[in-house]
Amino acid sequence: NILNAGGSAGNAVGFKLSSLLSLADTKSNKPGMNLLHFVALEAQKKDEKLLEFPLRLKNIQAASRIS
């Protein structure tokens, strides 16, 4: 966890879902690149099917209306 290295959360092994909203705001030293791009590229390297997860979320909005 390089982002938290040296801090109190330096050995963090997880994250809060709300932190995903800031991935695009975490800039890289490469022009036009941010943490969201990096995560997507790493997922693609690991297994391209990981990038298909939005297709599995298509029923989430309808499910959220059920109490």
PDB file of N, CA and C in Angstrom:
ATOM      1  N   ASN A   1       0.843  -1.167   0.000  1.00  0.00           N
ATOM      2  CA  ASN A   1       0.000   0.000   0.000  1.00  0.00           C
ATOM      3  C   ASN A   1       0.894   1.237   0.000  1.00  0.00           C
ATOM      4  N   ILE A   2       1.395   1.609  -1.146  1.00  0.00           N
ATOM      5  CA  ILE A   2       2.355   2.700  -1.270  1.00  0.00           C
ATOM      6  C   ILE A   2       1.742   4.041  -0.888  1.00  0.00           C
ATOM      7  N   LEU A   3       0.470   4.260  -1.195  1.00  0.00           N
ATOM      8  CA  LEU A   3      -0.149   5.549  -0.877  1.00  0.00           C
ATOM      9  C   LEU A   3      -0.124   5.837   0.617  1.00  0.00           C
ATOM     10  N   ASN A   4      -0.228   4.809   1.428  1.00  0.00           N
ATOM     11  CA  ASN A   4      -0.256   4.997   2.877  1.00  0.00           C
ATOM     12  C   ASN A   4       1.074   4.661   3.540  1.00  0.00           C
ATOM     13  N   ALA A   5       2.106   4.402   2.779  1.00  0.00           N
ATOM     14  CA  ALA A   5       3.400   4.012   3.340  1.00  0.00           C
ATOM     15  C   ALA A   5       3.916   5.074   4.300  1.00  0.00           C
ATOM     16  N   GLY A   6       4.381   4.624   5.442  1.00  0.00           N
ATOM     17  CA  GLY A   6       4.938   5.537   6.425  1.00  0.00           C
ATOM     18  C   GLY A   6       3.913   6.189   7.328  1.00  0.00           C
ATOM     19  N   GLY A   7       2.643   6.034   7.032  1.00  0.00           N
ATOM     20  CA  GLY A   7       1.592   6.621   7.860  1.00  0.00           C
ATOM     21  C   GLY A   7       1.019   5.595   8.810  1.00  0.00           C
ATOM     22  N   SER A   8       0.041   6.034   9.588  1.00  0.00           N
ATOM     23  CA  SER A   8      -0.576   5.123  10.553  1.00  0.00           C
ATOM     24  C   SER A   8      -1.338   4.000   9.858  1.00  0.00           C
ATOM     25  N   ALA A   9      -1.720   4.218   8.598  1.00  0.00           N
ATOM     26  CA  ALA A   9      -2.445   3.192   7.839  1.00  0.00           C
ATOM     27  C   ALA A   9      -1.525   2.497   6.843  1.00  0.00           C
ATOM     28  N   GLY A  10      -0.224   2.553   7.071  1.00  0.00           N
ATOM     29  CA  GLY A  10       0.759   2.012   6.135  1.00  0.00           C
ATOM     30  C   GLY A  10       0.600   0.550   5.816  1.00  0.00           C
ATOM     31  N   ASN A  11       0.016  -0.215   6.692  1.00  0.00           N
ATOM     32  CA  ASN A  11      -0.183  -1.637   6.434  1.00  0.00           C
ATOM     33  C   ASN A  11      -1.634  -1.960   6.097  1.00  0.00           C
ATOM     34  N   ALA A  12      -2.362  -0.976   5.597  1.00  0.00           N
ATOM     35  CA  ALA A  12      -3.774  -1.166   5.273  1.00  0.00           C
ATOM     36  C   ALA A  12      -3.931  -2.244   4.206  1.00  0.00           C
ATOM     37  N   VAL A  13      -4.924  -3.087   4.373  1.00  0.00           N
ATOM     38  CA  VAL A  13      -5.176  -4.146   3.400  1.00  0.00           C
ATOM     39  C   VAL A  13      -6.557  -4.003   2.769  1.00  0.00           C
ATOM     40  N   GLY A  14      -7.255  -2.954   3.074  1.00  0.00           N
ATOM     41  CA  GLY A  14      -8.593  -2.764   2.537  1.00  0.00           C
ATOM     42  C   GLY A  14      -8.872  -1.305   2.275  1.00  0.00           C
ATOM     43  N   PHE A  15     -10.114  -1.013   1.915  1.00  0.00           N
ATOM     44  CA  PHE A  15     -10.507   0.356   1.639  1.00  0.00           C
ATOM     45  C   PHE A  15     -12.006   0.475   1.842  1.00  0.00           C
ATOM     46  N   LYS A  16     -12.473   1.703   1.960  1.00  0.00           N
ATOM     47  CA  LYS A  16     -13.908   1.966   2.063  1.00  0.00           C
ATOM     48  C   LYS A  16     -14.450   2.166   0.656  1.00  0.00           C
ATOM     49  N   LEU A  17     -15.651   1.690   0.405  1.00  0.00           N
ATOM     50  CA  LEU A  17     -16.240   1.856  -0.920  1.00  0.00           C
ATOM     51  C   LEU A  17     -16.322   3.320  -1.315  1.00  0.00           C
ATOM     52  N   SER A  18     -16.559   4.194  -0.353  1.00  0.00           N
ATOM     53  CA  SER A  18     -16.652   5.618  -0.665  1.00  0.00           C
ATOM     54  C   SER A  18     -15.341   6.169  -1.212  1.00  0.00           C
ATOM     55  N   SER A  19     -14.219   5.521  -0.901  1.00  0.00           N
ATOM     56  CA  SER A  19     -12.932   6.003  -1.412  1.00  0.00           C
ATOM     57  C   SER A  19     -12.789   5.763  -2.915  1.00  0.00           C
ATOM     58  N   LEU A  20     -13.587   4.865  -3.474  1.00  0.00           N
ATOM     59  CA  LEU A  20     -13.524   4.621  -4.914  1.00  0.00           C
ATOM     60  C   LEU A  20     -13.904   5.863  -5.712  1.00  0.00           C
ATOM     61  N   LEU A  21     -14.720   6.736  -5.109  1.00  0.00           N
ATOM     62  CA  LEU A  21     -15.139   7.953  -5.795  1.00  0.00           C
ATOM     63  C   LEU A  21     -13.976   8.899  -6.059  1.00  0.00           C
ATOM     64  N   SER A  22     -12.899   8.775  -5.308  1.00  0.00           N
ATOM     65  CA  SER A  22     -11.770   9.697  -5.470  1.00  0.00           C
ATOM     66  C   SER A  22     -10.647   9.123  -6.333  1.00  0.00           C
ATOM     67  N   LEU A  23     -10.818   7.947  -6.903  1.00  0.00           N
ATOM     68  CA  LEU A  23      -9.759   7.354  -7.721  1.00  0.00           C
ATOM     69  C   LEU A  23      -9.365   8.253  -8.889  1.00  0.00           C
ATOM     70  N   ALA A  24     -10.337   8.855  -9.533  1.00  0.00           N
ATOM     71  CA  ALA A  24     -10.035   9.712 -10.684  1.00  0.00           C
ATOM     72  C   ALA A  24      -9.365  11.013 -10.260  1.00  0.00           C
ATOM     73  N   ASP A  25      -9.486  11.389  -8.996  1.00  0.00           N
ATOM     74  CA  ASP A  25      -8.878  12.630  -8.506  1.00  0.00           C
ATOM     75  C   ASP A  25      -7.442  12.441  -8.043  1.00  0.00           C
ATOM     76  N   THR A  26      -6.993  11.196  -7.925  1.00  0.00           N
ATOM     77  CA  THR A  26      -5.625  10.914  -7.479  1.00  0.00           C
ATOM     78  C   THR A  26      -4.741  10.856  -8.714  1.00  0.00           C
ATOM     79  N   LYS A  27      -3.992  11.935  -8.928  1.00  0.00           N
ATOM     80  CA  LYS A  27      -3.203  12.097 -10.149  1.00  0.00           C
ATOM     81  C   LYS A  27      -1.909  11.294 -10.125  1.00  0.00           C
ATOM     82  N   SER A  28      -1.418  11.019 -11.308  1.00  0.00           N
ATOM     83  CA  SER A  28      -0.161  10.293 -11.499  1.00  0.00           C
ATOM     84  C   SER A  28       0.917  11.273 -11.952  1.00  0.00           C
ATOM     85  N   ASN A  29       2.143  10.798 -12.002  1.00  0.00           N
ATOM     86  CA  ASN A  29       3.205  11.630 -12.557  1.00  0.00           C
ATOM     87  C   ASN A  29       3.262  11.500 -14.079  1.00  0.00           C
ATOM     88  N   LYS A  30       2.377  10.690 -14.649  1.00  0.00           N
ATOM     89  CA  LYS A  30       2.278  10.553 -16.101  1.00  0.00           C
ATOM     90  C   LYS A  30       1.104  11.400 -16.590  1.00  0.00           C
ATOM     91  N   PRO A  31       1.300  12.217 -17.616  1.00  0.00           N
ATOM     92  CA  PRO A  31       0.205  13.060 -18.131  1.00  0.00           C
ATOM     93  C   PRO A  31      -1.007  12.229 -18.553  1.00  0.00           C
ATOM     94  N   GLY A  32      -2.183  12.689 -18.176  1.00  0.00           N
ATOM     95  CA  GLY A  32      -3.416  12.024 -18.567  1.00  0.00           C
ATOM     96  C   GLY A  32      -3.717  10.740 -17.816  1.00  0.00           C
ATOM     97  N   MET A  33      -2.941  10.438 -16.785  1.00  0.00           N
ATOM     98  CA  MET A  33      -3.118   9.196 -16.028  1.00  0.00           C
ATOM     99  C   MET A  33      -3.522   9.537 -14.603  1.00  0.00           C
ATOM    100  N   ASN A  34      -4.442   8.745 -14.058  1.00  0.00           N
ATOM    101  CA  ASN A  34      -4.805   8.885 -12.652  1.00  0.00           C
ATOM    102  C   ASN A  34      -4.928   7.484 -12.050  1.00  0.00           C
ATOM    103  N   LEU A  35      -5.279   7.426 -10.789  1.00  0.00           N
ATOM    104  CA  LEU A  35      -5.332   6.135 -10.111  1.00  0.00           C
ATOM    105  C   LEU A  35      -6.414   5.227 -10.698  1.00  0.00           C
ATOM    106  N   LEU A  36      -7.493   5.804 -11.180  1.00  0.00           N
ATOM    107  CA  LEU A  36      -8.548   4.998 -11.807  1.00  0.00           C
ATOM    108  C   LEU A  36      -8.018   4.301 -13.062  1.00  0.00           C
ATOM    109  N   HIS A  37      -7.254   5.035 -13.880  1.00  0.00           N
ATOM    110  CA  HIS A  37      -6.639   4.424 -15.060  1.00  0.00           C
ATOM    111  C   HIS A  37      -5.727   3.269 -14.648  1.00  0.00           C
ATOM    112  N   PHE A  38      -4.917   3.504 -13.623  1.00  0.00           N
ATOM    113  CA  PHE A  38      -3.978   2.482 -13.165  1.00  0.00           C
ATOM    114  C   PHE A  38      -4.708   1.226 -12.694  1.00  0.00           C
ATOM    115  N   VAL A  39      -5.761   1.407 -11.904  1.00  0.00           N
ATOM    116  CA  VAL A  39      -6.527   0.260 -11.400  1.00  0.00           C
ATOM    117  C   VAL A  39      -7.137  -0.521 -12.569  1.00  0.00           C
ATOM    118  N   ALA A  40      -7.676   0.188 -13.555  1.00  0.00           N
ATOM    119  CA  ALA A  40      -8.267  -0.486 -14.714  1.00  0.00           C
ATOM    120  C   ALA A  40      -7.212  -1.261 -15.503  1.00  0.00           C
ATOM    121  N   LEU A  41      -6.041  -0.668 -15.688  1.00  0.00           N
ATOM    122  CA  LEU A  41      -4.966  -1.357 -16.411  1.00  0.00           C
ATOM    123  C   LEU A  41      -4.491  -2.596 -15.662  1.00  0.00           C
ATOM    124  N   GLU A  42      -4.377  -2.492 -14.341  1.00  0.00           N
ATOM    125  CA  GLU A  42      -3.955  -3.643 -13.540  1.00  0.00           C
ATOM    126  C   GLU A  42      -5.007  -4.752 -13.579  1.00  0.00           C
ATOM    127  N   ALA A  43      -6.286  -4.371 -13.529  1.00  0.00           N
ATOM    128  CA  ALA A  43      -7.363  -5.364 -13.617  1.00  0.00           C
ATOM    129  C   ALA A  43      -7.323  -6.059 -14.971  1.00  0.00           C
ATOM    130  N   GLN A  44      -7.078  -5.290 -16.016  1.00  0.00           N
ATOM    131  CA  GLN A  44      -7.005  -5.859 -17.359  1.00  0.00           C
ATOM    132  C   GLN A  44      -5.834  -6.833 -17.470  1.00  0.00           C
ATOM    133  N   LYS A  45      -4.696  -6.490 -16.865  1.00  0.00           N
ATOM    134  CA  LYS A  45      -3.536  -7.392 -16.889  1.00  0.00           C
ATOM    135  C   LYS A  45      -3.826  -8.688 -16.138  1.00  0.00           C
ATOM    136  N   LYS A  46      -4.528  -8.565 -15.011  1.00  0.00           N
ATOM    137  CA  LYS A  46      -4.814  -9.723 -14.162  1.00  0.00           C
ATOM    138  C   LYS A  46      -5.806 -10.667 -14.836  1.00  0.00           C
ATOM    139  N   ASP A  47      -6.924 -10.090 -15.319  1.00  0.00           N
ATOM    140  CA  ASP A  47      -7.964 -10.904 -15.950  1.00  0.00           C
ATOM    141  C   ASP A  47      -8.944  -9.949 -16.621  1.00  0.00           C
ATOM    142  N   GLU A  48      -9.017  -9.970 -17.933  1.00  0.00           N
ATOM    143  CA  GLU A  48      -9.873  -9.029 -18.659  1.00  0.00           C
ATOM    144  C   GLU A  48     -11.336  -9.135 -18.259  1.00  0.00           C
ATOM    145  N   LYS A  49     -11.758 -10.281 -17.754  1.00  0.00           N
ATOM    146  CA  LYS A  49     -13.153 -10.440 -17.334  1.00  0.00           C
ATOM    147  C   LYS A  49     -13.486  -9.545 -16.143  1.00  0.00           C
ATOM    148  N   LEU A  50     -12.470  -9.109 -15.405  1.00  0.00           N
ATOM    149  CA  LEU A  50     -12.715  -8.195 -14.289  1.00  0.00           C
ATOM    150  C   LEU A  50     -13.339  -6.892 -14.774  1.00  0.00           C
ATOM    151  N   LEU A  51     -13.051  -6.507 -16.006  1.00  0.00           N
ATOM    152  CA  LEU A  51     -13.591  -5.264 -16.548  1.00  0.00           C
ATOM    153  C   LEU A  51     -15.050  -5.402 -16.966  1.00  0.00           C
ATOM    154  N   GLU A  52     -15.587  -6.604 -16.923  1.00  0.00           N
ATOM    155  CA  GLU A  52     -16.984  -6.835 -17.287  1.00  0.00           C
ATOM    156  C   GLU A  52     -17.932  -6.700 -16.099  1.00  0.00           C
ATOM    157  N   PHE A  53     -17.401  -6.355 -14.915  1.00  0.00           N
ATOM    158  CA  PHE A  53     -18.262  -6.315 -13.738  1.00  0.00           C
ATOM    159  C   PHE A  53     -19.422  -5.330 -13.856  1.00  0.00           C
ATOM    160  N   PRO A  54     -19.318  -4.207 -14.588  1.00  0.00           N
ATOM    161  CA  PRO A  54     -20.495  -3.334 -14.702  1.00  0.00           C
ATOM    162  C   PRO A  54     -21.701  -4.038 -15.323  1.00  0.00           C
ATOM    163  N   LEU A  55     -21.458  -5.016 -16.174  1.00  0.00           N
ATOM    164  CA  LEU A  55     -22.562  -5.762 -16.779  1.00  0.00           C
ATOM    165  C   LEU A  55     -23.347  -6.538 -15.731  1.00  0.00           C
ATOM    166  N   ARG A  56     -22.682  -6.907 -14.648  1.00  0.00           N
ATOM    167  CA  ARG A  56     -23.343  -7.651 -13.574  1.00  0.00           C
ATOM    168  C   ARG A  56     -24.144  -6.739 -12.650  1.00  0.00           C
ATOM    169  N   LEU A  57     -23.985  -5.445 -12.811  1.00  0.00           N
ATOM    170  CA  LEU A  57     -24.653  -4.485 -11.936  1.00  0.00           C
ATOM    171  C   LEU A  57     -25.927  -3.914 -12.545  1.00  0.00           C
ATOM    172  N   LYS A  58     -26.328  -4.395 -13.702  1.00  0.00           N
ATOM    173  CA  LYS A  58     -27.452  -3.788 -14.406  1.00  0.00           C
ATOM    174  C   LYS A  58     -28.760  -3.835 -13.619  1.00  0.00           C
ATOM    175  N   ASN A  59     -28.919  -4.769 -12.689  1.00  0.00           N
ATOM    176  CA  ASN A  59     -30.161  -4.878 -11.924  1.00  0.00           C
ATOM    177  C   ASN A  59     -30.087  -4.219 -10.549  1.00  0.00           C
ATOM    178  N   ILE A  60     -28.992  -3.578 -10.239  1.00  0.00           N
ATOM    179  CA  ILE A  60     -28.805  -2.976  -8.916  1.00  0.00           C
ATOM    180  C   ILE A  60     -29.837  -1.889  -8.641  1.00  0.00           C
ATOM    181  N   GLN A  61     -30.089  -1.014  -9.613  1.00  0.00           N
ATOM    182  CA  GLN A  61     -31.034   0.075  -9.383  1.00  0.00           C
ATOM    183  C   GLN A  61     -32.428  -0.473  -9.074  1.00  0.00           C
ATOM    184  N   ALA A  62     -32.882  -1.454  -9.826  1.00  0.00           N
ATOM    185  CA  ALA A  62     -34.197  -2.054  -9.568  1.00  0.00           C
ATOM    186  C   ALA A  62     -34.211  -2.738  -8.207  1.00  0.00           C
ATOM    187  N   ALA A  63     -33.142  -3.414  -7.861  1.00  0.00           N
ATOM    188  CA  ALA A  63     -33.072  -4.104  -6.572  1.00  0.00           C
ATOM    189  C   ALA A  63     -33.065  -3.118  -5.411  1.00  0.00           C
ATOM    190  N   SER A  64     -32.520  -1.935  -5.613  1.00  0.00           N
ATOM    191  CA  SER A  64     -32.452  -0.952  -4.527  1.00  0.00           C
ATOM    192  C   SER A  64     -33.834  -0.426  -4.142  1.00  0.00           C
ATOM    193  N   ARG A  65     -34.810  -0.572  -5.022  1.00  0.00           N
ATOM    194  CA  ARG A  65     -36.172  -0.104  -4.718  1.00  0.00           C
ATOM    195  C   ARG A  65     -36.953  -1.107  -3.881  1.00  0.00           C
ATOM    196  N   ILE A  66     -36.432  -2.310  -3.736  1.00  0.00           N
ATOM    197  CA  ILE A  66     -37.103  -3.344  -2.946  1.00  0.00           C
ATOM    198  C   ILE A  66     -36.653  -3.211  -1.502  1.00  0.00           C
ATOM    199  N   SER A  67     -37.613  -3.112  -0.604  1.00  0.00           N
ATOM    200  CA  SER A  67     -37.226  -2.958   0.810  1.00  0.00           C
ATOM    201  C   SER A  67     -37.304  -4.267   1.550  1.00  0.00           C
TER     202      SER A  67
END
